[in-house]
Amino acid sequence: MREEMSALEKNKTWEVVEKSKEKNIVDCKWIFTLKYKADGFLERHKAGLVAKWYTQTYGVDYQETYAPVAKMNTVRILLSLDVHYNW
């Protein structure tokens, strides 16, 4: 949890603002998962802080949406396909 919170703060994922009377507070929760190596042994514990999106109303609680970012491996694969197959 400390690693996740440090990463969120480092990336400036959010900013603290005064609570508006017209807006709802969006709750969040921790999601815990276990990551395993290919041989089945435990690699590490992961923690993620996620918003309870079902408590949000577009235009009231938020204006922007999150856009996922592609992993570098995915980009490399797509680029290699382009070179080999000349789409």
PDB file of N, CA and C in Angstrom:
ATOM      1  N   MET A   1       0.829  -1.187   0.000  1.00  0.00           N
ATOM      2  CA  MET A   1       0.000   0.000   0.000  1.00  0.00           C
ATOM      3  C   MET A   1       0.875   1.253   0.000  1.00  0.00           C
ATOM      4  N   ARG A   2       1.973   1.195   0.739  1.00  0.00           N
ATOM      5  CA  ARG A   2       2.864   2.354   0.765  1.00  0.00           C
ATOM      6  C   ARG A   2       3.448   2.634  -0.611  1.00  0.00           C
ATOM      7  N   GLU A   3       3.851   1.559  -1.320  1.00  0.00           N
ATOM      8  CA  GLU A   3       4.406   1.735  -2.667  1.00  0.00           C
ATOM      9  C   GLU A   3       3.384   2.364  -3.602  1.00  0.00           C
ATOM     10  N   GLU A   4       2.155   1.893  -3.544  1.00  0.00           N
ATOM     11  CA  GLU A   4       1.096   2.424  -4.407  1.00  0.00           C
ATOM     12  C   GLU A   4       0.818   3.891  -4.083  1.00  0.00           C
ATOM     13  N   MET A   5       0.713   4.219  -2.804  1.00  0.00           N
ATOM     14  CA  MET A   5       0.469   5.605  -2.412  1.00  0.00           C
ATOM     15  C   MET A   5       1.630   6.508  -2.843  1.00  0.00           C
ATOM     16  N   SER A   6       2.864   6.032  -2.696  1.00  0.00           N
ATOM     17  CA  SER A   6       4.026   6.811  -3.133  1.00  0.00           C
ATOM     18  C   SER A   6       3.987   7.061  -4.630  1.00  0.00           C
ATOM     19  N   ALA A   7       3.627   6.020  -5.408  1.00  0.00           N
ATOM     20  CA  ALA A   7       3.545   6.167  -6.863  1.00  0.00           C
ATOM     21  C   ALA A   7       2.443   7.148  -7.249  1.00  0.00           C
ATOM     22  N   LEU A   8       1.292   7.090  -6.589  1.00  0.00           N
ATOM     23  CA  LEU A   8       0.192   8.010  -6.880  1.00  0.00           C
ATOM     24  C   LEU A   8       0.585   9.450  -6.572  1.00  0.00           C
ATOM     25  N   GLU A   9       1.270   9.659  -5.452  1.00  0.00           N
ATOM     26  CA  GLU A   9       1.716  11.007  -5.095  1.00  0.00           C
ATOM     27  C   GLU A   9       2.791  11.504  -6.057  1.00  0.00           C
ATOM     28  N   LYS A  10       3.742  10.636  -6.418  1.00  0.00           N
ATOM     29  CA  LYS A  10       4.823  11.003  -7.331  1.00  0.00           C
ATOM     30  C   LYS A  10       4.272  11.397  -8.697  1.00  0.00           C
ATOM     31  N   ASN A  11       3.274  10.664  -9.187  1.00  0.00           N
ATOM     32  CA  ASN A  11       2.685  10.935 -10.501  1.00  0.00           C
ATOM     33  C   ASN A  11       1.641  12.042 -10.476  1.00  0.00           C
ATOM     34  N   LYS A  12       1.409  12.610  -9.296  1.00  0.00           N
ATOM     35  CA  LYS A  12       0.402  13.668  -9.129  1.00  0.00           C
ATOM     36  C   LYS A  12      -0.947  13.240  -9.714  1.00  0.00           C
ATOM     37  N   THR A  13      -1.396  12.072  -9.265  1.00  0.00           N
ATOM     38  CA  THR A  13      -2.632  11.477  -9.752  1.00  0.00           C
ATOM     39  C   THR A  13      -3.844  12.308  -9.377  1.00  0.00           C
ATOM     40  N   TRP A  14      -3.798  12.987  -8.273  1.00  0.00           N
ATOM     41  CA  TRP A  14      -4.915  13.814  -7.842  1.00  0.00           C
ATOM     42  C   TRP A  14      -4.402  15.085  -7.186  1.00  0.00           C
ATOM     43  N   GLU A  15      -5.308  15.989  -6.939  1.00  0.00           N
ATOM     44  CA  GLU A  15      -4.976  17.192  -6.182  1.00  0.00           C
ATOM     45  C   GLU A  15      -6.063  17.405  -5.132  1.00  0.00           C
ATOM     46  N   VAL A  16      -5.672  17.914  -3.993  1.00  0.00           N
ATOM     47  CA  VAL A  16      -6.610  18.156  -2.905  1.00  0.00           C
ATOM     48  C   VAL A  16      -7.300  19.494  -3.158  1.00  0.00           C
ATOM     49  N   VAL A  17      -8.630  19.485  -3.089  1.00  0.00           N
ATOM     50  CA  VAL A  17      -9.419  20.702  -3.301  1.00  0.00           C
ATOM     51  C   VAL A  17     -10.480  20.801  -2.212  1.00  0.00           C
ATOM     52  N   GLU A  18     -11.043  21.971  -2.067  1.00  0.00           N
ATOM     53  CA  GLU A  18     -12.136  22.160  -1.115  1.00  0.00           C
ATOM     54  C   GLU A  18     -13.365  21.413  -1.603  1.00  0.00           C
ATOM     55  N   LYS A  19     -14.122  20.819  -0.676  1.00  0.00           N
ATOM     56  CA  LYS A  19     -15.339  20.095  -1.034  1.00  0.00           C
ATOM     57  C   LYS A  19     -16.426  21.088  -1.417  1.00  0.00           C
ATOM     58  N   SER A  20     -17.008  20.837  -2.569  1.00  0.00           N
ATOM     59  CA  SER A  20     -18.118  21.649  -3.041  1.00  0.00           C
ATOM     60  C   SER A  20     -19.424  21.050  -2.534  1.00  0.00           C
ATOM     61  N   LYS A  21     -20.377  21.873  -2.164  1.00  0.00           N
ATOM     62  CA  LYS A  21     -21.663  21.380  -1.677  1.00  0.00           C
ATOM     63  C   LYS A  21     -22.466  20.697  -2.776  1.00  0.00           C
ATOM     64  N   GLU A  22     -22.218  21.069  -4.041  1.00  0.00           N
ATOM     65  CA  GLU A  22     -22.972  20.501  -5.159  1.00  0.00           C
ATOM     66  C   GLU A  22     -22.426  19.158  -5.623  1.00  0.00           C
ATOM     67  N   LYS A  23     -21.247  18.776  -5.178  1.00  0.00           N
ATOM     68  CA  LYS A  23     -20.604  17.568  -5.690  1.00  0.00           C
ATOM     69  C   LYS A  23     -20.544  16.482  -4.625  1.00  0.00           C
ATOM     70  N   ASN A  24     -20.599  15.243  -5.103  1.00  0.00           N
ATOM     71  CA  ASN A  24     -20.480  14.089  -4.217  1.00  0.00           C
ATOM     72  C   ASN A  24     -19.010  13.760  -3.986  1.00  0.00           C
ATOM     73  N   ILE A  25     -18.730  13.136  -2.874  1.00  0.00           N
ATOM     74  CA  ILE A  25     -17.390  12.613  -2.629  1.00  0.00           C
ATOM     75  C   ILE A  25     -17.365  11.195  -3.176  1.00  0.00           C
ATOM     76  N   VAL A  26     -16.404  10.921  -4.037  1.00  0.00           N
ATOM     77  CA  VAL A  26     -16.279   9.588  -4.629  1.00  0.00           C
ATOM     78  C   VAL A  26     -15.403   8.753  -3.705  1.00  0.00           C
ATOM     79  N   ASP A  27     -15.954   7.675  -3.202  1.00  0.00           N
ATOM     80  CA  ASP A  27     -15.206   6.787  -2.319  1.00  0.00           C
ATOM     81  C   ASP A  27     -14.195   5.981  -3.112  1.00  0.00           C
ATOM     82  N   CYS A  28     -13.260   5.381  -2.398  1.00  0.00           N
ATOM     83  CA  CYS A  28     -12.292   4.502  -3.038  1.00  0.00           C
ATOM     84  C   CYS A  28     -12.124   3.261  -2.169  1.00  0.00           C
ATOM     85  N   LYS A  29     -11.473   2.273  -2.736  1.00  0.00           N
ATOM     86  CA  LYS A  29     -11.214   1.051  -1.978  1.00  0.00           C
ATOM     87  C   LYS A  29      -9.898   0.452  -2.462  1.00  0.00           C
ATOM     88  N   TRP A  30      -9.297  -0.364  -1.608  1.00  0.00           N
ATOM     89  CA  TRP A  30      -8.055  -1.046  -1.942  1.00  0.00           C
ATOM     90  C   TRP A  30      -8.372  -2.398  -2.559  1.00  0.00           C
ATOM     91  N   ILE A  31      -7.646  -2.730  -3.613  1.00  0.00           N
ATOM     92  CA  ILE A  31      -7.745  -4.041  -4.248  1.00  0.00           C
ATOM     93  C   ILE A  31      -6.405  -4.732  -4.032  1.00  0.00           C
ATOM     94  N   PHE A  32      -6.427  -5.928  -3.481  1.00  0.00           N
ATOM     95  CA  PHE A  32      -5.197  -6.675  -3.220  1.00  0.00           C
ATOM     96  C   PHE A  32      -5.141  -7.902  -4.116  1.00  0.00           C
ATOM     97  N   THR A  33      -3.987  -8.115  -4.745  1.00  0.00           N
ATOM     98  CA  THR A  33      -3.799  -9.293  -5.596  1.00  0.00           C
ATOM     99  C   THR A  33      -2.429  -9.899  -5.327  1.00  0.00           C
ATOM    100  N   LEU A  34      -2.290 -11.159  -5.705  1.00  0.00           N
ATOM    101  CA  LEU A  34      -1.014 -11.852  -5.601  1.00  0.00           C
ATOM    102  C   LEU A  34      -0.483 -12.069  -7.008  1.00  0.00           C
ATOM    103  N   LYS A  35       0.793 -11.776  -7.213  1.00  0.00           N
ATOM    104  CA  LYS A  35       1.429 -12.002  -8.511  1.00  0.00           C
ATOM    105  C   LYS A  35       2.347 -13.207  -8.373  1.00  0.00           C
ATOM    106  N   TYR A  36       2.228 -14.136  -9.329  1.00  0.00           N
ATOM    107  CA  TYR A  36       3.018 -15.354  -9.300  1.00  0.00           C
ATOM    108  C   TYR A  36       4.014 -15.387 -10.445  1.00  0.00           C
ATOM    109  N   LYS A  37       5.144 -16.040 -10.219  1.00  0.00           N
ATOM    110  CA  LYS A  37       6.135 -16.265 -11.266  1.00  0.00           C
ATOM    111  C   LYS A  37       5.616 -17.364 -12.193  1.00  0.00           C
ATOM    112  N   ALA A  38       6.296 -17.573 -13.305  1.00  0.00           N
ATOM    113  CA  ALA A  38       5.891 -18.599 -14.272  1.00  0.00           C
ATOM    114  C   ALA A  38       5.938 -19.996 -13.659  1.00  0.00           C
ATOM    115  N   ASP A  39       6.824 -20.202 -12.685  1.00  0.00           N
ATOM    116  CA  ASP A  39       6.930 -21.527 -12.056  1.00  0.00           C
ATOM    117  C   ASP A  39       5.907 -21.738 -10.940  1.00  0.00           C
ATOM    118  N   GLY A  40       5.027 -20.756 -10.709  1.00  0.00           N
ATOM    119  CA  GLY A  40       3.957 -20.910  -9.728  1.00  0.00           C
ATOM    120  C   GLY A  40       4.262 -20.371  -8.346  1.00  0.00           C
ATOM    121  N   PHE A  41       5.493 -19.946  -8.114  1.00  0.00           N
ATOM    122  CA  PHE A  41       5.835 -19.400  -6.807  1.00  0.00           C
ATOM    123  C   PHE A  41       5.420 -17.938  -6.714  1.00  0.00           C
ATOM    124  N   LEU A  42       5.096 -17.534  -5.495  1.00  0.00           N
ATOM    125  CA  LEU A  42       4.655 -16.168  -5.251  1.00  0.00           C
ATOM    126  C   LEU A  42       5.783 -15.186  -5.546  1.00  0.00           C
ATOM    127  N   GLU A  43       5.490 -14.193  -6.391  1.00  0.00           N
ATOM    128  CA  GLU A  43       6.480 -13.173  -6.722  1.00  0.00           C
ATOM    129  C   GLU A  43       6.354 -11.975  -5.784  1.00  0.00           C
ATOM    130  N   ARG A  44       5.117 -11.466  -5.621  1.00  0.00           N
ATOM    131  CA  ARG A  44       4.911 -10.318  -4.735  1.00  0.00           C
ATOM    132  C   ARG A  44       3.431 -10.087  -4.490  1.00  0.00           C
ATOM    133  N   HIS A  45       3.164  -9.264  -3.492  1.00  0.00           N
ATOM    134  CA  HIS A  45       1.816  -8.811  -3.190  1.00  0.00           C
ATOM    135  C   HIS A  45       1.620  -7.462  -3.883  1.00  0.00           C
ATOM    136  N   LYS A  46       0.459  -7.239  -4.476  1.00  0.00           N
ATOM    137  CA  LYS A  46       0.170  -5.957  -5.114  1.00  0.00           C
ATOM    138  C   LYS A  46      -1.035  -5.325  -4.443  1.00  0.00           C
ATOM    139  N   ALA A  47      -1.017  -4.003  -4.384  1.00  0.00           N
ATOM    140  CA  ALA A  47      -2.143  -3.253  -3.840  1.00  0.00           C
ATOM    141  C   ALA A  47      -2.480  -2.143  -4.824  1.00  0.00           C
ATOM    142  N   GLY A  48      -3.761  -1.913  -5.036  1.00  0.00           N
ATOM    143  CA  GLY A  48      -4.188  -0.840  -5.922  1.00  0.00           C
ATOM    144  C   GLY A  48      -5.343  -0.075  -5.306  1.00  0.00           C
ATOM    145  N   LEU A  49      -5.293   1.234  -5.411  1.00  0.00           N
ATOM    146  CA  LEU A  49      -6.360   2.089  -4.903  1.00  0.00           C
ATOM    147  C   LEU A  49      -7.248   2.471  -6.077  1.00  0.00           C
ATOM    148  N   VAL A  50      -8.518   2.100  -6.010  1.00  0.00           N
ATOM    149  CA  VAL A  50      -9.437   2.361  -7.121  1.00  0.00           C
ATOM    150  C   VAL A  50     -10.653   3.138  -6.635  1.00  0.00           C
ATOM    151  N   ALA A  51     -11.190   3.961  -7.524  1.00  0.00           N
ATOM    152  CA  ALA A  51     -12.397   4.726  -7.200  1.00  0.00           C
ATOM    153  C   ALA A  51     -13.619   3.825  -7.341  1.00  0.00           C
ATOM    154  N   LYS A  52     -14.589   4.054  -6.513  1.00  0.00           N
ATOM    155  CA  LYS A  52     -15.878   3.366  -6.650  1.00  0.00           C
ATOM    156  C   LYS A  52     -16.680   4.140  -7.690  1.00  0.00           C
ATOM    157  N   TRP A  53     -16.438   3.809  -8.959  1.00  0.00           N
ATOM    158  CA  TRP A  53     -16.985   4.559 -10.084  1.00  0.00           C
ATOM    159  C   TRP A  53     -18.502   4.643 -10.080  1.00  0.00           C
ATOM    160  N   TYR A  54     -19.165   3.679  -9.472  1.00  0.00           N
ATOM    161  CA  TYR A  54     -20.626   3.658  -9.475  1.00  0.00           C
ATOM    162  C   TYR A  54     -21.237   4.761  -8.622  1.00  0.00           C
ATOM    163  N   THR A  55     -20.394   5.498  -7.879  1.00  0.00           N
ATOM    164  CA  THR A  55     -20.912   6.620  -7.086  1.00  0.00           C
ATOM    165  C   THR A  55     -20.740   7.945  -7.817  1.00  0.00           C
ATOM    166  N   GLN A  56     -20.230   7.904  -9.068  1.00  0.00           N
ATOM    167  CA  GLN A  56     -19.969   9.120  -9.828  1.00  0.00           C
ATOM    168  C   GLN A  56     -21.068   9.404 -10.845  1.00  0.00           C
ATOM    169  N   THR A  57     -21.255  10.683 -11.145  1.00  0.00           N
ATOM    170  CA  THR A  57     -22.168  11.126 -12.197  1.00  0.00           C
ATOM    171  C   THR A  57     -21.389  12.040 -13.124  1.00  0.00           C
ATOM    172  N   TYR A  58     -21.316  11.677 -14.427  1.00  0.00           N
ATOM    173  CA  TYR A  58     -20.556  12.471 -15.383  1.00  0.00           C
ATOM    174  C   TYR A  58     -21.121  13.887 -15.450  1.00  0.00           C
ATOM    175  N   GLY A  59     -20.232  14.862 -15.461  1.00  0.00           N
ATOM    176  CA  GLY A  59     -20.635  16.256 -15.512  1.00  0.00           C
ATOM    177  C   GLY A  59     -20.920  16.847 -14.147  1.00  0.00           C
ATOM    178  N   VAL A  60     -21.113  15.982 -13.156  1.00  0.00           N
ATOM    179  CA  VAL A  60     -21.344  16.453 -11.790  1.00  0.00           C
ATOM    180  C   VAL A  60     -20.103  16.183 -10.936  1.00  0.00           C
ATOM    181  N   ASP A  61     -19.661  14.923 -10.914  1.00  0.00           N
ATOM    182  CA  ASP A  61     -18.520  14.525 -10.096  1.00  0.00           C
ATOM    183  C   ASP A  61     -17.204  14.548 -10.859  1.00  0.00           C
ATOM    184  N   TYR A  62     -17.258  14.517 -12.166  1.00  0.00           N
ATOM    185  CA  TYR A  62     -16.028  14.547 -12.951  1.00  0.00           C
ATOM    186  C   TYR A  62     -16.316  15.044 -14.365  1.00  0.00           C
ATOM    187  N   GLN A  63     -15.274  15.546 -15.015  1.00  0.00           N
ATOM    188  CA  GLN A  63     -15.377  16.023 -16.393  1.00  0.00           C
ATOM    189  C   GLN A  63     -14.486  15.211 -17.329  1.00  0.00           C
ATOM    190  N   GLU A  64     -13.459  14.593 -16.785  1.00  0.00           N
ATOM    191  CA  GLU A  64     -12.492  13.866 -17.588  1.00  0.00           C
ATOM    192  C   GLU A  64     -12.593  12.380 -17.315  1.00  0.00           C
ATOM    193  N   THR A  65     -12.157  11.573 -18.270  1.00  0.00           N
ATOM    194  CA  THR A  65     -12.112  10.137 -18.074  1.00  0.00           C
ATOM    195  C   THR A  65     -10.676   9.657 -18.180  1.00  0.00           C
ATOM    196  N   TYR A  66     -10.407   8.523 -17.591  1.00  0.00           N
ATOM    197  CA  TYR A  66      -9.073   7.938 -17.599  1.00  0.00           C
ATOM    198  C   TYR A  66      -8.837   7.226 -18.925  1.00  0.00           C
ATOM    199  N   ALA A  67      -7.684   7.435 -19.506  1.00  0.00           N
ATOM    200  CA  ALA A  67      -7.304   6.738 -20.735  1.00  0.00           C
ATOM    201  C   ALA A  67      -6.165   5.775 -20.421  1.00  0.00           C
ATOM    202  N   PRO A  68      -6.373   4.481 -20.628  1.00  0.00           N
ATOM    203  CA  PRO A  68      -5.298   3.526 -20.331  1.00  0.00           C
ATOM    204  C   PRO A  68      -4.090   3.747 -21.235  1.00  0.00           C
ATOM    205  N   VAL A  69      -2.935   3.401 -20.731  1.00  0.00           N
ATOM    206  CA  VAL A  69      -1.686   3.569 -21.465  1.00  0.00           C
ATOM    207  C   VAL A  69      -1.179   2.198 -21.877  1.00  0.00           C
ATOM    208  N   ALA A  70      -0.712   2.078 -23.116  1.00  0.00           N
ATOM    209  CA  ALA A  70      -0.203   0.802 -23.617  1.00  0.00           C
ATOM    210  C   ALA A  70       1.139   0.475 -22.972  1.00  0.00           C
ATOM    211  N   LYS A  71       1.358  -0.805 -22.694  1.00  0.00           N
ATOM    212  CA  LYS A  71       2.643  -1.240 -22.185  1.00  0.00           C
ATOM    213  C   LYS A  71       3.654  -1.210 -23.320  1.00  0.00           C
ATOM    214  N   MET A  72       4.908  -1.003 -22.986  1.00  0.00           N
ATOM    215  CA  MET A  72       5.959  -0.907 -23.992  1.00  0.00           C
ATOM    216  C   MET A  72       6.064  -2.189 -24.809  1.00  0.00           C
ATOM    217  N   ASN A  73       5.853  -3.354 -24.187  1.00  0.00           N
ATOM    218  CA  ASN A  73       5.906  -4.622 -24.929  1.00  0.00           C
ATOM    219  C   ASN A  73       4.859  -4.657 -26.032  1.00  0.00           C
ATOM    220  N   THR A  74       3.672  -4.133 -25.763  1.00  0.00           N
ATOM    221  CA  THR A  74       2.610  -4.093 -26.762  1.00  0.00           C
ATOM    222  C   THR A  74       3.005  -3.202 -27.928  1.00  0.00           C
ATOM    223  N   VAL A  75       3.590  -2.063 -27.634  1.00  0.00           N
ATOM    224  CA  VAL A  75       4.031  -1.143 -28.683  1.00  0.00           C
ATOM    225  C   VAL A  75       5.101  -1.805 -29.545  1.00  0.00           C
ATOM    226  N   ARG A  76       6.047  -2.493 -28.914  1.00  0.00           N
ATOM    227  CA  ARG A  76       7.109  -3.185 -29.666  1.00  0.00           C
ATOM    228  C   ARG A  76       6.534  -4.243 -30.599  1.00  0.00           C
ATOM    229  N   ILE A  77       5.573  -5.007 -30.107  1.00  0.00           N
ATOM    230  CA  ILE A  77       4.954  -6.048 -30.937  1.00  0.00           C
ATOM    231  C   ILE A  77       4.262  -5.421 -32.132  1.00  0.00           C
ATOM    232  N   LEU A  78       3.500  -4.368 -31.906  1.00  0.00           N
ATOM    233  CA  LEU A  78       2.807  -3.709 -33.007  1.00  0.00           C
ATOM    234  C   LEU A  78       3.779  -3.134 -34.022  1.00  0.00           C
ATOM    235  N   LEU A  79       4.864  -2.550 -33.540  1.00  0.00           N
ATOM    236  CA  LEU A  79       5.867  -2.009 -34.456  1.00  0.00           C
ATOM    237  C   LEU A  79       6.563  -3.116 -35.244  1.00  0.00           C
ATOM    238  N   SER A  80       6.827  -4.242 -34.599  1.00  0.00           N
ATOM    239  CA  SER A  80       7.486  -5.342 -35.307  1.00  0.00           C
ATOM    240  C   SER A  80       6.555  -5.939 -36.358  1.00  0.00           C
ATOM    241  N   LEU A  81       5.254  -5.981 -36.094  1.00  0.00           N
ATOM    242  CA  LEU A  81       4.296  -6.477 -37.092  1.00  0.00           C
ATOM    243  C   LEU A  81       4.290  -5.570 -38.304  1.00  0.00           C
ATOM    244  N   ASP A  82       4.374  -4.278 -38.073  1.00  0.00           N
ATOM    245  CA  ASP A  82       4.353  -3.329 -39.172  1.00  0.00           C
ATOM    246  C   ASP A  82       5.576  -3.508 -40.067  1.00  0.00           C
ATOM    247  N   VAL A  83       6.730  -3.736 -39.459  1.00  0.00           N
ATOM    248  CA  VAL A  83       7.971  -3.901 -40.219  1.00  0.00           C
ATOM    249  C   VAL A  83       7.938  -5.197 -41.027  1.00  0.00           C
ATOM    250  N   HIS A  84       7.453  -6.283 -40.411  1.00  0.00           N
ATOM    251  CA  HIS A  84       7.491  -7.595 -41.062  1.00  0.00           C
ATOM    252  C   HIS A  84       6.393  -7.793 -42.094  1.00  0.00           C
ATOM    253  N   TYR A  85       5.243  -7.204 -41.880  1.00  0.00           N
ATOM    254  CA  TYR A  85       4.103  -7.470 -42.755  1.00  0.00           C
ATOM    255  C   TYR A  85       3.743  -6.303 -43.657  1.00  0.00           C
ATOM    256  N   ASN A  86       4.301  -5.152 -43.422  1.00  0.00           N
ATOM    257  CA  ASN A  86       4.019  -3.960 -44.243  1.00  0.00           C
ATOM    258  C   ASN A  86       2.530  -3.780 -44.529  1.00  0.00           C
ATOM    259  N   TRP A  87       1.765  -3.605 -43.494  1.00  0.00           N
ATOM    260  CA  TRP A  87       0.309  -3.446 -43.605  1.00  0.00           C
ATOM    261  C   TRP A  87       0.053  -2.403 -44.594  1.00  0.00           C
TER     262      TRP A  87
END
